[in-house]
Structure formats: C-alpha cells, structure tokens
Amino acid sequence: MTNAEWLPHDVIRAAGLALLHSLWQGAALAALAAAAMALARRASARYLVAVSALALALAAPAATFALVYARGGAALGPPFASLDARGAPLAAIFGRAHGAGASFALSPGRGSSADDLAGLVALWLAGVVVFGGRAAGGVALLARLRRRPGAALDPALERLGEEVRRALGLGRVVRYARCDWLDAPAAVGWLRPVVYLPLAALSGLSESQLRAVIAHELAHVKRLDALVNGFQIAAEALLFYHPAAWWLSRRIREEREHCCDDVAAAACGDPADYARALLSLEEARAALPFAMAANGGSLRARVARLLAGGDEGPGLRASAAVAAAASLAAALAVGACLLGLEFGASWSVKVSAARPAGAPPAAGPEAGDGGEGAPGLDQLVAFRIHGVTPAFVRSVREAGYSPDADQLVAMRVHGVTPEDIAELGELGYRRLDVDDLVAFRVHGVTPAFIAAVQKLGYARPSPDELVSLRIHGVTPEDIAELRALGVPGEGERGAGRARARRHARHD
C-alpha cells in the first residue's frame, strides 16, 4: 500500500517532518526549561516553567506540521529546494525554461523518502493508539471507582476539612468522602472535586498532621492540578517517543507536590511534623492516573526537602544550569544537522555556466569524475547508499530509458521500479521523462489511478494533469459523480458555442 492510498502525500510529508524536527525541538525546550528551573528558587516558578515547556513541546510539531502543509509538503529549506506542482525543484524548472542558457544537475541526498515518512507516521499513530488507550483505561477505572458508594465520614473530620478550605481561601464546593479502595488521601476531579480520606491510613495522625494532609489535597483542588494532569497524560500519549516529554512530565509532578507540600507545611505550622505524616503514608502507594494523592512523587525527596527547609543550594543550581546549557547546545547542533540532512542535502544543485550552442565542453574531467561516461566518486557513494545496483540499471535500460547517475538515484530514492515503467507503457505512457516518473511516484499517480481516469473517457491526460489531479484530491469517483449530474465539460461547451455561431451565420 502506498502512502497516497491511506493519507494524502502532503499530509504524510508534513507529519513526518514534524515528527523528525520534534526530536531536537523538544530536547532544546527541555534544556531551556532545565536551565530556568535550576535558577528558579520557588517550586511554583519551576512548576510554571515545566508546564510551559511541555505545552511548547506539544505545540512545536503542530506548528511545524502546519507550516510544511501550508507549503504543500515542501521542505523548509532555501528557495531552490521548494517543490512545484509536479514535485520537481524550482531549479529544474528554471533550467528547462532557459534551455541551453544554464545547466542544473539535481542529485538527491539523504533526505527522507515518502515511504520512510509514511512508515514513521504509521508507527507514531500506532503508539498514540496504545498510549491513548492506556490513558482512557485509567480514566474509565477512576470513573468506576468514583461510582462506588462510600461510608459516612466522621463529622469532626469533615468540619476540619471545611476549616482548612476556608483558611486556604478556596471558594469552590469540595465534597469529602471516606473510601476503602485508596491507601492515602487523594483529590479527584476538577469540575466537582472530591477529597477521599481513607481512615485506615489517617488513624495514627495528630490533628495538626491531619490538617496538613487535607491542606495538601485542597491545594491540588485550588491549583486545578487535576486539569493540568489530564493535559500531561494527553501530551505523554502524543509525545510518547520523546524522552524530553517524559522528563518534563515527571518534573511537573515533582514540583506540583512540592508546591502543595509548602501549603501543607504552612497549614501545619511545623514542616517536620508534616514530614512525619508523610512518612506514615510511605507504605501506601496507590497510583491512579487522574488522582492527586498525598503520597505521590518521591516521598523520600519530599521529606528531605521539608526537613532541609527548602531546595538545593546555589552551587547545585549553578551546576544544573551549566549542564542544561550544554544540553541545549547539543540539541541545537542536532537540529542543525537534521535541517542540513533534510533540506540541504536533499537536493544538491550544481550550476554550470552557459555556453553557446554547439560549443565543445571544457577539456578534462571534473574533480572526482572517473573520466568520460563514468560516474563521479560521490555518485558511486550515492549509488551504494540508495541501492542503485547494476541489476537495477540494466532493468531500467531494458525498459527503454537511459537515465544519468543523478536520475538513477532519484528513481531509487522515490521507489520508481521497472514494473511501474512497464505498466505505464501499457497505458500509453512509454517515453515519460524521469522527472515525470518520479513525480508520479511522489504524488501517488499509480497505474490503477490512470486506468480509472481513462475509463471515464480521458484517453491520455498529460503527466502534469494527472499530478495536478492527485495533488488537489480529485478522484475517479468525483469525476463519475459529476458526469452523472450532467456537468458539461470544456469540450461540450466549446461544441455548443460552435453550433451557436453556425446558427447565427445561417440566420
């Protein structure tokens, strides 16, 4: 199955390039976030930086997709690498338009082929389905658990919760429920938040410790952490392949707990007392994707932070900032290499000076050439990379073509086969240009598509017309439906005008 049969070529091209460039984009954003978080003193500032970086990491591939798709799937490189409607570089058009005035030799480099990008997009879609299904299962499990009837909560504990809610300035209505299916307090939901209090885990806590634990959960509700957590899970499903996305999501969860710990310690009045409350919950490790549990994150790191009275010192922050800056430089270097491979090496343009018609070529072979009729050394390397074997060359020549070295590589890069040439010949396209063969393959102009168009009465559309049909999404089904509706064609309108002129002359 070709990519044109399940998604348009422009969509495949844009999505594939967006995925490739998201690798260095996400790494660069994570490095910037790491540097900013290393310099930030407050957990709330680090939390905001991490959430913003994850949002940008999700927006960057979307913006890249929109930009590439707006250009019709063309690369983002220099103007000479832009594609025209047939998929040929503008340099080739310029060369044809000027005839003998200039000569352009186009050699495909190591840019991603359409089939490679189609496979990449297919793998990404499969991963999104897997991780999206996992997230949907977690949401369904949480919804089912919420429907379980809960036992009546101790009125004194509910009054304590209301006192803490008013002290935090939380104006929203919060419901408190006793549960036996959690081992630690947890806040669930953001539209109608519920704070679940398992009495078995809270039985050994003092009133001040209870106040701190409830304040921790109410801080999640006040900060709308459940909503941000849902965004994280969606981002993890879409960016499942990117380590930077998972690292940012983990940092968000850590800093979220630190922010709520600061609120709880202030409500308790004694950070050490609250740390002891956390230690009593260490054995309870219930994990629900959309639940904000008091024992979430790394309890050991949280307790150490509370007992130390804050975060790491300026020395560690400076070291982390330096490491983040180095990571940023590496990410940008990878991005530059990827841009070069995709857009710089995709089409290498060699321009030779114009010479009068009939003038002899310059004497002597060019550097790297093996003499007249022999490919250059760089072309031999390209042959090896792209699989231009002697058997392939023989089969192409047996089909009636004598392409040069660059055209042979272009045919292999885009998947043009001797079988394609034979099928096109049976349909009346026996002596197409190599550029036309490549354009057919790139845009999904298959022999089946041509045969379907011909059956509708179009004996032999030009290659440009066929490519234009595929680019703009015109299908044989569309043509058949329009004919069934009686829409006249250009030929019919012209015949009607001729008949009208004849009648006018007779009159």
Protein backbone atom coordinates (compact mmCIF):
# COMPACT_ATOMS: atom_id res chain seq x y z
CA MET A 1 0.00 0.00 0.00
CA THR A 2 1.40 3.36 -0.94
CA ASN A 3 1.07 6.31 1.38
CA ALA A 4 -1.25 8.01 -1.09
CA GLU A 5 -3.83 5.25 -0.52
CA TRP A 6 -4.32 5.91 3.18
CA LEU A 7 -3.28 9.56 3.59
CA PRO A 8 -2.53 12.35 1.10
CA HIS A 9 1.12 12.81 0.30
CA ASP A 10 1.18 16.36 1.64
CA VAL A 11 -0.18 15.17 5.00
CA ILE A 12 2.36 12.34 5.18
CA ARG A 13 5.21 14.69 4.30
CA ALA A 14 4.16 17.35 6.81
CA ALA A 15 3.52 14.86 9.62
CA GLY A 16 6.80 13.00 9.04
CA LEU A 17 8.87 16.18 9.04
CA ALA A 18 7.05 17.42 12.13
CA LEU A 19 7.93 14.21 13.97
CA LEU A 20 11.57 14.38 12.90
CA HIS A 21 12.00 18.01 13.92
CA SER A 22 10.14 17.48 17.20
CA LEU A 23 13.15 15.46 18.38
CA TRP A 24 15.53 18.41 18.53
CA GLN A 25 12.77 20.93 19.28
CA GLY A 26 11.66 19.03 22.38
CA ALA A 27 15.24 18.49 23.50
CA ALA A 28 16.02 22.19 23.15
CA LEU A 29 12.87 23.18 25.07
CA ALA A 30 13.68 20.69 27.83
CA ALA A 31 17.22 22.06 28.11
CA LEU A 32 15.91 25.63 28.34
CA ALA A 33 13.41 24.53 30.97
CA ALA A 34 16.13 22.75 32.94
CA ALA A 35 18.27 25.90 32.97
CA ALA A 36 15.34 28.08 34.03
CA MET A 37 14.27 25.64 36.76
CA ALA A 38 17.83 25.41 38.05
CA LEU A 39 17.88 29.18 38.53
CA ALA A 40 14.35 29.43 40.00
CA ARG A 41 14.15 29.44 43.79
CA ARG A 42 10.43 28.72 44.26
CA ALA A 43 8.68 25.47 43.43
CA SER A 44 5.74 27.37 41.92
CA ALA A 45 8.08 29.07 39.40
CA ARG A 46 9.68 25.75 38.45
CA TYR A 47 6.23 24.22 38.03
CA LEU A 48 5.16 27.02 35.69
CA VAL A 49 8.35 26.65 33.63
CA ALA A 50 7.92 22.88 33.27
CA VAL A 51 4.24 23.14 32.26
CA SER A 52 5.04 25.87 29.73
CA ALA A 53 7.90 23.83 28.25
CA LEU A 54 5.69 20.75 27.86
CA ALA A 55 3.00 22.84 26.19
CA LEU A 56 5.57 24.29 23.78
CA ALA A 57 6.98 20.81 23.09
CA LEU A 58 3.47 19.77 22.08
CA ALA A 59 2.86 22.93 20.05
CA ALA A 60 6.20 22.85 18.17
CA PRO A 61 5.43 19.78 16.00
CA ALA A 62 1.90 21.08 15.41
CA ALA A 63 3.33 24.39 14.16
CA THR A 64 5.88 22.56 12.01
CA PHE A 65 3.12 20.42 10.50
CA ALA A 66 1.01 23.50 9.72
CA LEU A 67 3.97 25.30 8.13
CA VAL A 68 5.04 22.37 5.96
CA TYR A 69 1.46 21.53 4.99
CA ALA A 70 0.83 25.16 4.02
CA ARG A 71 3.78 24.85 1.62
CA GLY A 72 2.19 21.79 0.04
CA GLY A 73 4.53 19.34 1.79
CA ALA A 74 7.65 21.12 0.60
CA ALA A 75 10.82 21.27 2.64
CA LEU A 76 11.57 24.32 4.76
CA GLY A 77 14.92 24.84 3.09
CA PRO A 78 16.16 27.51 0.71
CA PRO A 79 14.02 28.64 -2.23
CA PHE A 80 15.74 26.36 -4.73
CA ALA A 81 14.62 23.34 -2.70
CA SER A 82 10.92 24.27 -2.87
CA LEU A 83 8.69 21.96 -4.85
CA ASP A 84 6.44 22.88 -7.72
CA ALA A 85 3.17 21.15 -8.51
CA ARG A 86 4.98 18.19 -10.07
CA GLY A 87 7.37 17.69 -7.19
CA ALA A 88 10.40 18.89 -9.14
CA PRO A 89 12.69 21.50 -7.64
CA LEU A 90 12.37 25.03 -8.92
CA ALA A 91 15.95 24.84 -10.12
CA ALA A 92 14.95 22.17 -12.62
CA ILE A 93 12.10 24.33 -13.90
CA PHE A 94 14.45 27.28 -14.17
CA GLY A 95 16.88 25.12 -16.15
CA ARG A 96 14.21 23.91 -18.55
CA ALA A 97 12.88 27.41 -19.09
CA HIS A 98 16.30 28.72 -20.05
CA GLY A 99 17.24 25.80 -22.28
CA ALA A 100 20.95 25.91 -23.09
CA GLY A 101 21.47 29.05 -21.04
CA ALA A 102 22.15 27.12 -17.87
CA SER A 103 22.53 23.53 -16.77
CA PHE A 104 21.25 22.25 -13.44
CA ALA A 105 22.22 18.84 -12.13
CA LEU A 106 20.00 17.68 -9.26
CA SER A 107 21.20 14.85 -7.09
CA PRO A 108 19.02 13.51 -4.28
CA GLY A 109 20.76 13.39 -0.97
CA ARG A 110 19.85 11.66 2.26
CA GLY A 111 16.52 13.38 2.83
CA SER A 112 13.62 11.24 3.98
CA SER A 113 11.74 9.50 1.19
CA ALA A 114 7.96 9.40 1.09
CA ASP A 115 7.86 5.72 2.05
CA ASP A 116 10.16 6.29 5.03
CA LEU A 117 8.00 9.15 6.26
CA ALA A 118 4.85 7.08 5.76
CA GLY A 119 6.32 4.31 7.92
CA LEU A 120 7.33 6.82 10.57
CA VAL A 121 3.85 8.34 10.69
CA ALA A 122 2.26 4.88 10.86
CA LEU A 123 4.45 3.93 13.82
CA TRP A 124 3.58 7.19 15.58
CA LEU A 125 -0.14 6.63 15.06
CA ALA A 126 0.16 3.11 16.46
CA GLY A 127 1.96 4.44 19.54
CA VAL A 128 -0.67 7.12 20.06
CA VAL A 129 -3.38 4.46 19.94
CA VAL A 130 -1.54 2.33 22.53
CA PHE A 131 -0.77 5.14 24.97
CA GLY A 132 -4.12 6.83 24.37
CA GLY A 133 -5.88 3.56 25.14
CA ARG A 134 -3.85 3.26 28.32
CA ALA A 135 -4.90 6.75 29.40
CA ALA A 136 -8.55 6.07 28.50
CA GLY A 137 -8.41 2.91 30.60
CA GLY A 138 -7.13 4.89 33.58
CA VAL A 139 -9.93 7.43 33.23
CA ALA A 140 -12.53 4.66 32.99
CA LEU A 141 -11.11 2.94 36.08
CA LEU A 142 -11.20 6.16 38.07
CA ALA A 143 -14.78 6.86 36.97
CA ARG A 144 -15.83 3.38 38.01
CA LEU A 145 -14.16 3.76 41.41
CA ARG A 146 -15.88 7.11 41.94
CA ARG A 147 -19.25 5.45 41.48
CA ARG A 148 -18.62 3.15 44.42
CA PRO A 149 -20.74 4.02 47.43
CA GLY A 150 -18.65 5.39 50.30
CA ALA A 151 -19.22 5.09 54.03
CA ALA A 152 -20.28 8.11 56.04
CA LEU A 153 -17.39 10.38 57.04
CA ASP A 154 -16.78 11.38 60.63
CA PRO A 155 -18.46 14.82 61.08
CA ALA A 156 -15.45 16.08 63.02
CA LEU A 157 -13.13 15.21 60.14
CA GLU A 158 -15.47 16.90 57.67
CA ARG A 159 -15.58 20.04 59.83
CA LEU A 160 -11.78 20.03 59.92
CA GLY A 161 -11.72 19.86 56.14
CA GLU A 162 -14.07 22.84 55.87
CA GLU A 163 -11.91 24.84 58.26
CA VAL A 164 -8.85 24.15 56.15
CA ARG A 165 -10.75 25.02 52.96
CA ARG A 166 -11.77 28.43 54.33
CA ALA A 167 -8.27 29.06 55.65
CA LEU A 168 -6.85 28.44 52.17
CA GLY A 169 -9.37 30.82 50.61
CA LEU A 170 -10.81 28.08 48.39
CA GLY A 171 -14.28 29.21 47.33
CA ARG A 172 -15.24 26.08 45.42
CA VAL A 173 -17.50 23.41 46.87
CA VAL A 174 -15.49 20.34 47.81
CA ARG A 175 -17.05 17.03 48.78
CA TYR A 176 -15.35 14.77 51.32
CA ALA A 177 -15.80 11.02 51.24
CA ARG A 178 -14.50 8.05 53.11
CA CYS A 179 -13.07 5.30 50.93
CA ASP A 180 -11.58 1.86 51.37
CA TRP A 181 -10.06 1.49 47.89
CA LEU A 182 -7.27 4.03 48.46
CA ASP A 183 -4.40 3.83 50.92
CA ALA A 184 -3.73 7.56 51.11
CA PRO A 185 -5.79 10.76 50.82
CA ALA A 186 -6.37 11.86 47.24
CA ALA A 187 -8.19 14.63 45.39
CA VAL A 188 -10.09 13.56 42.27
CA GLY A 189 -11.71 15.75 39.63
CA TRP A 190 -11.71 19.46 38.95
CA LEU A 191 -15.30 20.30 37.99
CA ARG A 192 -16.76 18.56 41.04
CA PRO A 193 -13.73 17.80 43.17
CA VAL A 194 -13.85 15.07 45.78
CA VAL A 195 -11.29 14.55 48.55
CA TYR A 196 -11.12 10.88 49.52
CA LEU A 197 -9.97 10.16 53.06
CA PRO A 198 -9.08 6.54 53.91
CA LEU A 199 -9.44 6.31 57.68
CA ALA A 200 -7.07 3.35 57.93
CA ALA A 201 -4.18 5.50 56.72
CA LEU A 202 -5.13 8.53 58.84
CA SER A 203 -5.83 6.78 62.13
CA GLY A 204 -2.35 7.39 63.55
CA LEU A 205 -2.06 11.10 62.64
CA SER A 206 -2.47 14.01 65.03
CA GLU A 207 -4.93 16.82 64.36
CA SER A 208 -2.20 19.12 63.03
CA GLN A 209 -0.96 16.37 60.75
CA LEU A 210 -4.49 15.70 59.53
CA ARG A 211 -4.87 19.40 58.86
CA ALA A 212 -1.66 19.39 56.80
CA VAL A 213 -2.63 16.31 54.79
CA ILE A 214 -6.08 17.74 53.99
CA ALA A 215 -4.47 21.09 53.12
CA HIS A 216 -2.22 19.27 50.64
CA GLU A 217 -5.22 17.79 48.83
CA LEU A 218 -7.17 21.05 48.87
CA ALA A 219 -4.13 22.81 47.41
CA HIS A 220 -4.38 20.43 44.43
CA VAL A 221 -8.02 21.45 44.02
CA LYS A 222 -7.29 25.17 44.31
CA ARG A 223 -4.46 24.99 41.76
CA LEU A 224 -6.57 22.93 39.26
CA ASP A 225 -3.83 20.30 39.25
CA ALA A 226 -6.21 17.59 38.03
CA LEU A 227 -6.79 19.59 34.84
CA VAL A 228 -3.05 20.03 34.27
CA ASN A 229 -2.54 16.33 35.00
CA GLY A 230 -5.03 15.48 32.26
CA PHE A 231 -3.07 17.66 29.85
CA GLN A 232 0.12 15.83 30.87
CA ILE A 233 -1.39 12.45 30.12
CA ALA A 234 -2.56 13.65 26.70
CA ALA A 235 0.91 15.07 25.98
CA GLU A 236 2.53 11.80 27.05
CA ALA A 237 0.30 9.91 24.62
CA LEU A 238 1.13 12.22 21.70
CA LEU A 239 4.85 12.56 22.52
CA PHE A 240 5.34 9.02 23.80
CA TYR A 241 8.52 8.65 21.73
CA HIS A 242 10.30 11.65 23.22
CA PRO A 243 12.33 11.27 26.45
CA ALA A 244 12.19 15.04 27.00
CA ALA A 245 8.38 14.91 27.23
CA TRP A 246 8.52 12.21 29.91
CA TRP A 247 11.21 14.10 31.81
CA LEU A 248 9.20 17.32 31.75
CA SER A 249 6.07 15.48 32.87
CA ARG A 250 7.95 13.90 35.76
CA ARG A 251 9.33 17.29 36.81
CA ILE A 252 5.82 18.76 36.68
CA ARG A 253 4.57 16.07 39.07
CA GLU A 254 7.51 16.60 41.42
CA GLU A 255 7.16 20.38 41.53
CA ARG A 256 3.38 20.05 41.90
CA GLU A 257 3.87 18.01 45.06
CA HIS A 258 6.47 20.50 46.30
CA CYS A 259 4.03 23.37 45.83
CA CYS A 260 1.31 21.54 47.76
CA ASP A 261 3.82 20.49 50.42
CA ASP A 262 4.64 24.15 51.01
CA VAL A 263 0.92 24.88 51.52
CA ALA A 264 0.52 21.88 53.84
CA ALA A 265 3.60 22.75 55.90
CA ALA A 266 2.29 26.28 56.37
CA ALA A 267 -1.12 24.94 57.44
CA CYS A 268 0.51 22.52 59.90
CA GLY A 269 2.91 25.13 61.26
CA ASP A 270 5.73 22.60 61.60
CA PRO A 271 7.39 21.17 58.47
CA ALA A 272 9.00 18.37 60.49
CA ASP A 273 5.61 17.31 61.86
CA TYR A 274 4.20 17.23 58.34
CA ALA A 275 7.23 15.24 57.17
CA ARG A 276 6.44 12.62 59.83
CA ALA A 277 2.87 12.47 58.47
CA LEU A 278 4.24 11.77 55.01
CA LEU A 279 6.49 9.04 56.33
CA SER A 280 3.49 7.34 57.89
CA LEU A 281 1.94 7.17 54.43
CA GLU A 282 5.06 5.78 52.75
CA GLU A 283 3.80 2.23 52.66
CA ALA A 284 0.66 3.29 50.81
CA ARG A 285 1.47 3.63 47.13
CA ALA A 286 -1.89 3.65 45.34
CA ALA A 287 -1.37 5.05 41.84
CA LEU A 288 -4.24 6.43 39.78
CA PRO A 289 -3.58 8.50 36.64
CA PHE A 290 -6.01 11.32 37.44
CA ALA A 291 -5.86 11.24 41.25
CA MET A 292 -3.74 13.72 43.23
CA ALA A 293 -2.58 11.54 46.13
CA ALA A 294 -0.79 12.82 49.23
CA ASN A 295 1.87 10.14 48.78
CA GLY A 296 2.54 10.97 45.14
CA GLY A 297 6.02 11.63 43.76
CA SER A 298 9.19 10.71 45.58
CA LEU A 299 8.35 10.75 49.29
CA ARG A 300 11.99 10.49 50.28
CA ALA A 301 12.91 13.58 48.25
CA ARG A 302 9.88 15.46 49.57
CA VAL A 303 10.67 14.65 53.18
CA ALA A 304 14.33 15.59 52.71
CA ARG A 305 13.27 18.89 51.16
CA LEU A 306 10.90 19.67 54.05
CA LEU A 307 13.50 18.84 56.70
CA ALA A 308 16.17 20.87 54.85
CA GLY A 309 13.90 23.88 54.83
CA GLY A 310 13.92 24.39 51.04
CA ASP A 311 15.54 23.38 47.79
CA GLU A 312 19.15 22.79 46.82
CA GLY A 313 21.73 25.48 47.30
CA PRO A 314 23.05 27.98 44.75
CA GLY A 315 26.05 25.78 43.89
CA LEU A 316 23.90 22.90 42.74
CA ARG A 317 21.60 25.25 40.88
CA ALA A 318 24.54 26.76 39.01
CA SER A 319 25.87 23.31 38.08
CA ALA A 320 22.44 22.29 36.83
CA ALA A 321 22.21 25.47 34.76
CA VAL A 322 25.57 24.76 33.13
CA ALA A 323 24.55 21.19 32.32
CA ALA A 324 21.28 22.45 30.87
CA ALA A 325 23.12 24.96 28.70
CA ALA A 326 25.36 22.19 27.36
CA SER A 327 22.28 20.07 26.62
CA LEU A 328 20.71 22.99 24.80
CA ALA A 329 23.80 23.42 22.64
CA ALA A 330 23.77 19.72 21.80
CA ALA A 331 20.06 19.81 20.92
CA LEU A 332 20.54 22.81 18.64
CA ALA A 333 23.50 21.10 16.97
CA VAL A 334 21.37 18.02 16.30
CA GLY A 335 18.64 20.27 14.93
CA ALA A 336 21.10 21.96 12.60
CA CYS A 337 22.34 18.58 11.36
CA LEU A 338 18.78 17.38 10.78
CA LEU A 339 17.92 20.54 8.89
CA GLY A 340 21.03 20.08 6.80
CA LEU A 341 20.27 16.45 6.03
CA GLU A 342 16.65 17.08 5.17
CA PHE A 343 16.84 20.39 3.40
CA GLY A 344 20.45 20.97 2.46
CA ALA A 345 21.42 17.52 1.26
CA SER A 346 18.01 16.63 -0.12
CA TRP A 347 18.86 18.39 -3.37
CA SER A 348 22.37 19.44 -4.22
CA VAL A 349 22.33 21.90 -7.10
CA LYS A 350 25.26 22.20 -9.48
CA VAL A 351 25.07 25.18 -11.81
CA SER A 352 27.30 25.28 -14.85
CA ALA A 353 27.94 28.46 -16.79
CA ALA A 354 26.07 28.99 -20.04
CA ARG A 355 27.90 28.28 -23.25
CA PRO A 356 26.88 28.83 -26.88
CA ALA A 357 25.01 26.05 -28.59
CA GLY A 358 27.38 23.62 -30.26
CA ALA A 359 30.41 24.77 -28.32
CA PRO A 360 32.64 21.90 -27.11
CA PRO A 361 32.70 21.16 -23.39
CA ALA A 362 35.62 22.21 -21.27
CA ALA A 363 38.60 19.90 -21.57
CA GLY A 364 39.44 17.45 -18.84
CA PRO A 365 37.23 15.66 -16.35
CA GLU A 366 35.84 17.46 -13.30
CA ALA A 367 37.27 16.73 -9.89
CA GLY A 368 36.03 13.42 -8.64
CA ASP A 369 34.98 12.14 -12.09
CA GLY A 370 36.34 8.89 -13.41
CA GLY A 371 36.55 10.06 -16.99
CA GLU A 372 34.02 10.43 -19.77
CA GLY A 373 30.98 8.19 -19.27
CA ALA A 374 31.93 7.19 -15.72
CA PRO A 375 30.08 8.37 -12.61
CA GLY A 376 31.92 10.53 -10.12
CA LEU A 377 33.14 9.16 -6.81
CA ASP A 378 30.38 10.98 -4.90
CA GLN A 379 27.83 9.45 -7.25
CA LEU A 380 29.25 5.98 -6.63
CA VAL A 381 28.76 6.55 -2.91
CA ALA A 382 25.20 7.71 -3.57
CA PHE A 383 24.63 4.55 -5.64
CA ARG A 384 25.71 2.41 -2.71
CA ILE A 385 23.63 4.34 -0.17
CA HIS A 386 20.42 4.28 -2.19
CA GLY A 387 20.75 0.80 -3.70
CA VAL A 388 21.43 1.66 -7.34
CA THR A 389 22.75 -1.76 -8.33
CA PRO A 390 23.93 -2.91 -11.78
CA ALA A 391 20.82 -5.10 -11.99
CA PHE A 392 18.62 -2.05 -11.42
CA VAL A 393 20.46 -0.06 -14.10
CA ARG A 394 20.10 -2.93 -16.60
CA SER A 395 16.38 -3.30 -15.90
CA VAL A 396 15.78 0.43 -16.38
CA ARG A 397 17.67 0.42 -19.68
CA GLU A 398 15.75 -2.64 -20.85
CA ALA A 399 12.60 -0.62 -20.22
CA GLY A 400 13.83 1.93 -22.77
CA TYR A 401 15.38 4.58 -20.50
CA SER A 402 18.94 5.85 -20.34
CA PRO A 403 18.98 7.98 -17.18
CA ASP A 404 22.14 9.60 -15.92
CA ALA A 405 23.63 8.91 -12.50
CA ASP A 406 21.60 11.56 -10.67
CA GLN A 407 18.35 10.40 -12.24
CA LEU A 408 19.08 6.80 -11.28
CA VAL A 409 19.49 7.83 -7.66
CA ALA A 410 16.27 9.86 -7.82
CA MET A 411 14.40 6.83 -9.15
CA ARG A 412 15.67 4.65 -6.30
CA VAL A 413 15.02 7.26 -3.61
CA HIS A 414 11.39 7.65 -4.66
CA GLY A 415 10.75 3.99 -5.38
CA VAL A 416 10.38 4.03 -9.18
CA THR A 417 10.63 0.44 -10.43
CA PRO A 418 10.87 -1.16 -13.90
CA GLU A 419 7.48 -2.71 -13.20
CA ASP A 420 5.99 0.79 -12.84
CA ILE A 421 7.54 1.79 -16.17
CA ALA A 422 6.11 -1.31 -17.88
CA GLU A 423 2.58 -0.73 -16.52
CA LEU A 424 2.68 2.93 -17.53
CA GLY A 425 3.78 1.90 -21.03
CA GLU A 426 0.75 -0.37 -21.34
CA LEU A 427 -1.42 2.65 -20.56
CA GLY A 428 0.19 4.73 -23.31
CA TYR A 429 2.96 6.45 -21.33
CA ARG A 430 6.00 4.81 -22.92
CA ARG A 431 8.52 7.64 -23.06
CA LEU A 432 8.00 9.75 -19.99
CA ASP A 433 10.75 11.90 -18.56
CA VAL A 434 12.46 10.54 -15.48
CA ASP A 435 11.15 13.61 -13.64
CA ASP A 436 7.62 12.58 -14.59
CA LEU A 437 8.22 9.05 -13.31
CA VAL A 438 9.48 10.45 -10.00
CA ALA A 439 6.60 12.92 -9.76
CA PHE A 440 4.10 10.09 -10.38
CA ARG A 441 5.63 8.08 -7.53
CA VAL A 442 5.83 11.02 -5.14
CA HIS A 443 2.23 12.12 -5.65
CA GLY A 444 0.66 8.68 -5.90
CA VAL A 445 -0.20 8.68 -9.62
CA THR A 446 -0.46 4.91 -9.86
CA PRO A 447 -1.29 2.86 -12.96
CA ALA A 448 -4.61 1.97 -11.30
CA PHE A 449 -5.44 5.67 -10.92
CA ILE A 450 -4.55 6.39 -14.57
CA ALA A 451 -6.61 3.41 -15.77
CA ALA A 452 -9.63 4.62 -13.76
CA VAL A 453 -9.35 8.10 -15.29
CA GLN A 454 -9.02 6.67 -18.79
CA LYS A 455 -12.13 4.53 -18.34
CA LEU A 456 -14.09 7.72 -17.71
CA GLY A 457 -13.30 8.95 -21.24
CA TYR A 458 -10.00 10.77 -20.76
CA ALA A 459 -7.85 8.92 -23.29
CA ARG A 460 -4.41 10.21 -22.34
CA PRO A 461 -4.15 13.06 -19.83
CA SER A 462 -0.76 14.73 -19.69
CA PRO A 463 1.59 13.94 -16.80
CA ASP A 464 1.09 17.43 -15.39
CA GLU A 465 -2.69 16.99 -15.47
CA LEU A 466 -2.50 13.64 -13.69
CA VAL A 467 -0.23 15.01 -10.97
CA SER A 468 -2.49 18.03 -10.57
CA LEU A 469 -5.50 15.74 -10.08
CA ARG A 470 -3.72 13.87 -7.28
CA ILE A 471 -2.38 16.98 -5.60
CA HIS A 472 -5.83 18.53 -5.41
CA GLY A 473 -7.54 15.31 -4.36
CA VAL A 474 -9.65 14.74 -7.48
CA THR A 475 -10.71 11.09 -7.60
CA PRO A 476 -12.31 8.98 -10.35
CA GLU A 477 -15.36 8.77 -8.11
CA ASP A 478 -15.66 12.57 -8.15
CA ILE A 479 -15.46 12.60 -11.94
CA ALA A 480 -18.10 9.88 -12.27
CA GLU A 481 -20.50 11.67 -9.91
CA LEU A 482 -20.09 14.97 -11.77
CA ARG A 483 -20.80 13.24 -15.06
CA ALA A 484 -23.90 11.63 -13.56
CA LEU A 485 -25.09 15.09 -12.56
CA GLY A 486 -24.73 16.29 -16.15
CA VAL A 487 -21.98 18.85 -15.62
CA PRO A 488 -20.71 19.76 -19.15
CA GLY A 489 -17.04 19.56 -19.90
CA GLU A 490 -14.90 22.08 -21.74
CA GLY A 491 -15.26 20.14 -24.98
CA GLU A 492 -19.04 20.10 -24.73
CA ARG A 493 -19.18 23.84 -24.02
CA GLY A 494 -16.89 24.51 -27.00
CA ALA A 495 -19.10 22.38 -29.27
CA GLY A 496 -22.17 24.28 -28.07
CA ARG A 497 -20.56 27.64 -28.85
CA ALA A 498 -19.59 26.41 -32.34
CA ARG A 499 -23.17 25.31 -33.04
CA ALA A 500 -24.44 28.70 -31.89
CA ARG A 501 -22.03 30.51 -34.27
CA ARG A 502 -23.18 28.31 -37.19
CA HIS A 503 -26.83 29.05 -36.48
CA ALA A 504 -26.04 32.78 -36.33
CA ARG A 505 -24.36 32.67 -39.75
CA HIS A 506 -27.33 30.80 -41.27
CA ASP A 507 -29.73 33.35 -39.83
